[in-house]
Amino acid sequence: MRRRTDPHHRRGHPQMIIRFGYGPIVPRAPRRPATELTTQKTQKTLQTLETRHA
C-alpha cells in the first residue's frame, strides 16, 4: 500500500465503475396518469383552450 508521501499516491474516489452482467428482471414501476402531474396553471390553460374550441 502506498503512502501519501509517495508522489504516485492518488487520493480521491474511483472515476469509473465497471458493470459485469445484468441484475434480475423486475416488474416496471407503476406510472401515474399525466393529469395528476399537471399544475394548476396548466389546468387553467387547458380549460381556457377547451372553452375557446367548444
N, C-alpha and C. Protein backbone atom coordinates (compact mmCIF):
# COMPACT_ATOMS: atom_id res chain seq x y z
N MET A 1 0.85 -1.18 0.00
CA MET A 1 0.00 0.00 0.00
C MET A 1 0.89 1.24 0.00
N ARG A 2 0.62 2.17 -0.87
CA ARG A 2 1.45 3.36 -0.99
C ARG A 2 1.09 4.38 0.08
N ARG A 3 2.08 5.10 0.50
CA ARG A 3 1.85 6.16 1.48
C ARG A 3 1.59 7.47 0.77
N ARG A 4 1.02 8.41 1.49
CA ARG A 4 0.73 9.72 0.90
C ARG A 4 1.98 10.49 0.54
N THR A 5 3.10 10.14 1.14
CA THR A 5 4.35 10.83 0.79
C THR A 5 4.88 10.36 -0.56
N ASP A 6 4.38 9.22 -1.05
CA ASP A 6 4.79 8.71 -2.35
C ASP A 6 4.20 9.61 -3.44
N PRO A 7 4.99 10.13 -4.38
CA PRO A 7 4.46 11.03 -5.41
C PRO A 7 3.45 10.36 -6.35
N HIS A 8 3.43 9.02 -6.38
CA HIS A 8 2.49 8.31 -7.25
C HIS A 8 1.20 7.93 -6.53
N HIS A 9 1.10 8.31 -5.25
CA HIS A 9 -0.11 8.01 -4.48
C HIS A 9 -1.25 8.90 -4.97
N ARG A 10 -2.40 8.31 -5.22
CA ARG A 10 -3.57 9.07 -5.69
C ARG A 10 -4.60 9.13 -4.59
N ARG A 11 -5.13 10.32 -4.38
CA ARG A 11 -6.20 10.49 -3.40
C ARG A 11 -7.50 10.68 -4.15
N GLY A 12 -8.60 10.51 -3.45
CA GLY A 12 -9.89 10.76 -4.07
C GLY A 12 -10.71 9.49 -4.21
N HIS A 13 -11.62 9.53 -5.16
CA HIS A 13 -12.56 8.44 -5.36
C HIS A 13 -12.36 7.82 -6.74
N PRO A 14 -12.80 6.58 -6.92
CA PRO A 14 -12.68 5.97 -8.25
C PRO A 14 -13.47 6.76 -9.29
N GLN A 15 -12.96 6.82 -10.49
CA GLN A 15 -13.60 7.61 -11.55
C GLN A 15 -14.36 6.75 -12.54
N MET A 16 -14.37 5.45 -12.36
CA MET A 16 -15.06 4.57 -13.31
C MET A 16 -15.67 3.40 -12.57
N ILE A 17 -16.84 2.99 -13.00
CA ILE A 17 -17.49 1.80 -12.44
C ILE A 17 -17.70 0.84 -13.60
N ILE A 18 -17.31 -0.39 -13.42
CA ILE A 18 -17.48 -1.40 -14.46
C ILE A 18 -18.60 -2.34 -14.03
N ARG A 19 -19.56 -2.56 -14.94
CA ARG A 19 -20.67 -3.46 -14.64
C ARG A 19 -20.47 -4.75 -15.41
N PHE A 20 -20.54 -5.86 -14.71
CA PHE A 20 -20.44 -7.17 -15.34
C PHE A 20 -21.81 -7.84 -15.26
N GLY A 21 -22.46 -8.01 -16.39
CA GLY A 21 -23.75 -8.68 -16.43
C GLY A 21 -24.90 -7.77 -16.08
N TYR A 22 -26.06 -8.38 -15.86
CA TYR A 22 -27.29 -7.65 -15.57
C TYR A 22 -27.91 -8.19 -14.29
N GLY A 23 -28.73 -7.39 -13.65
CA GLY A 23 -29.45 -7.82 -12.46
C GLY A 23 -30.68 -8.63 -12.84
N PRO A 24 -31.43 -9.09 -11.85
CA PRO A 24 -32.64 -9.87 -12.15
C PRO A 24 -33.71 -8.99 -12.80
N ILE A 25 -34.58 -9.61 -13.58
CA ILE A 25 -35.68 -8.91 -14.23
C ILE A 25 -36.73 -8.58 -13.17
N VAL A 26 -37.16 -7.34 -13.12
CA VAL A 26 -38.16 -6.90 -12.14
C VAL A 26 -39.31 -6.23 -12.89
N PRO A 27 -40.51 -6.18 -12.28
CA PRO A 27 -41.63 -5.51 -12.95
C PRO A 27 -41.40 -4.01 -13.04
N ARG A 28 -42.02 -3.38 -14.05
CA ARG A 28 -41.89 -1.94 -14.23
C ARG A 28 -42.55 -1.20 -13.08
N ALA A 29 -42.06 -0.01 -12.81
CA ALA A 29 -42.64 0.83 -11.77
C ALA A 29 -43.99 1.36 -12.25
N PRO A 30 -44.98 1.43 -11.37
CA PRO A 30 -46.28 1.96 -11.80
C PRO A 30 -46.16 3.45 -12.15
N ARG A 31 -46.91 3.87 -13.15
CA ARG A 31 -46.88 5.26 -13.60
C ARG A 31 -48.20 5.93 -13.29
N ARG A 32 -48.13 7.20 -12.90
CA ARG A 32 -49.35 7.98 -12.67
C ARG A 32 -49.82 8.56 -13.99
N PRO A 33 -51.12 8.78 -14.14
CA PRO A 33 -51.60 9.43 -15.36
C PRO A 33 -51.07 10.86 -15.45
N ALA A 34 -50.93 11.38 -16.66
CA ALA A 34 -50.40 12.72 -16.88
C ALA A 34 -51.29 13.78 -16.23
N THR A 35 -52.59 13.52 -16.09
CA THR A 35 -53.49 14.51 -15.49
C THR A 35 -53.14 14.77 -14.03
N GLU A 36 -52.53 13.80 -13.35
CA GLU A 36 -52.13 14.01 -11.96
C GLU A 36 -50.86 14.86 -11.87
N LEU A 37 -50.13 14.96 -12.95
CA LEU A 37 -48.85 15.66 -12.92
C LEU A 37 -48.95 17.11 -13.38
N THR A 38 -50.09 17.52 -13.87
CA THR A 38 -50.22 18.89 -14.35
C THR A 38 -50.36 19.85 -13.17
N THR A 39 -49.90 21.05 -13.36
CA THR A 39 -50.00 22.07 -12.32
C THR A 39 -51.33 22.81 -12.45
N GLN A 40 -51.65 23.64 -11.47
CA GLN A 40 -52.89 24.42 -11.53
C GLN A 40 -52.86 25.37 -12.73
N LYS A 41 -51.72 25.96 -13.02
CA LYS A 41 -51.61 26.87 -14.15
C LYS A 41 -51.87 26.13 -15.45
N THR A 42 -51.34 24.92 -15.57
CA THR A 42 -51.56 24.11 -16.77
C THR A 42 -53.03 23.75 -16.90
N GLN A 43 -53.67 23.41 -15.78
CA GLN A 43 -55.09 23.06 -15.82
C GLN A 43 -55.94 24.26 -16.26
N LYS A 44 -55.60 25.46 -15.78
CA LYS A 44 -56.35 26.65 -16.19
C LYS A 44 -56.16 26.91 -17.68
N THR A 45 -54.94 26.71 -18.17
CA THR A 45 -54.67 26.91 -19.59
C THR A 45 -55.47 25.92 -20.42
N LEU A 46 -55.51 24.66 -19.98
CA LEU A 46 -56.28 23.65 -20.71
C LEU A 46 -57.76 23.98 -20.71
N GLN A 47 -58.29 24.46 -19.57
CA GLN A 47 -59.69 24.83 -19.51
C GLN A 47 -59.99 26.00 -20.46
N THR A 48 -59.08 26.96 -20.53
CA THR A 48 -59.26 28.09 -21.43
C THR A 48 -59.27 27.63 -22.88
N LEU A 49 -58.37 26.75 -23.23
CA LEU A 49 -58.32 26.24 -24.60
C LEU A 49 -59.58 25.43 -24.94
N GLU A 50 -60.08 24.66 -23.96
CA GLU A 50 -61.29 23.87 -24.21
C GLU A 50 -62.49 24.78 -24.44
N THR A 51 -62.61 25.86 -23.71
CA THR A 51 -63.75 26.76 -23.88
C THR A 51 -63.65 27.52 -25.21
N ARG A 52 -62.43 27.82 -25.68
CA ARG A 52 -62.28 28.51 -26.96
C ARG A 52 -62.67 27.62 -28.13
N HIS A 53 -62.38 26.34 -28.00
CA HIS A 53 -62.65 25.41 -29.11
C HIS A 53 -64.03 24.77 -29.01
N ALA A 54 -64.78 25.07 -27.97
CA ALA A 54 -66.11 24.46 -27.81
C ALA A 54 -67.17 25.18 -28.62
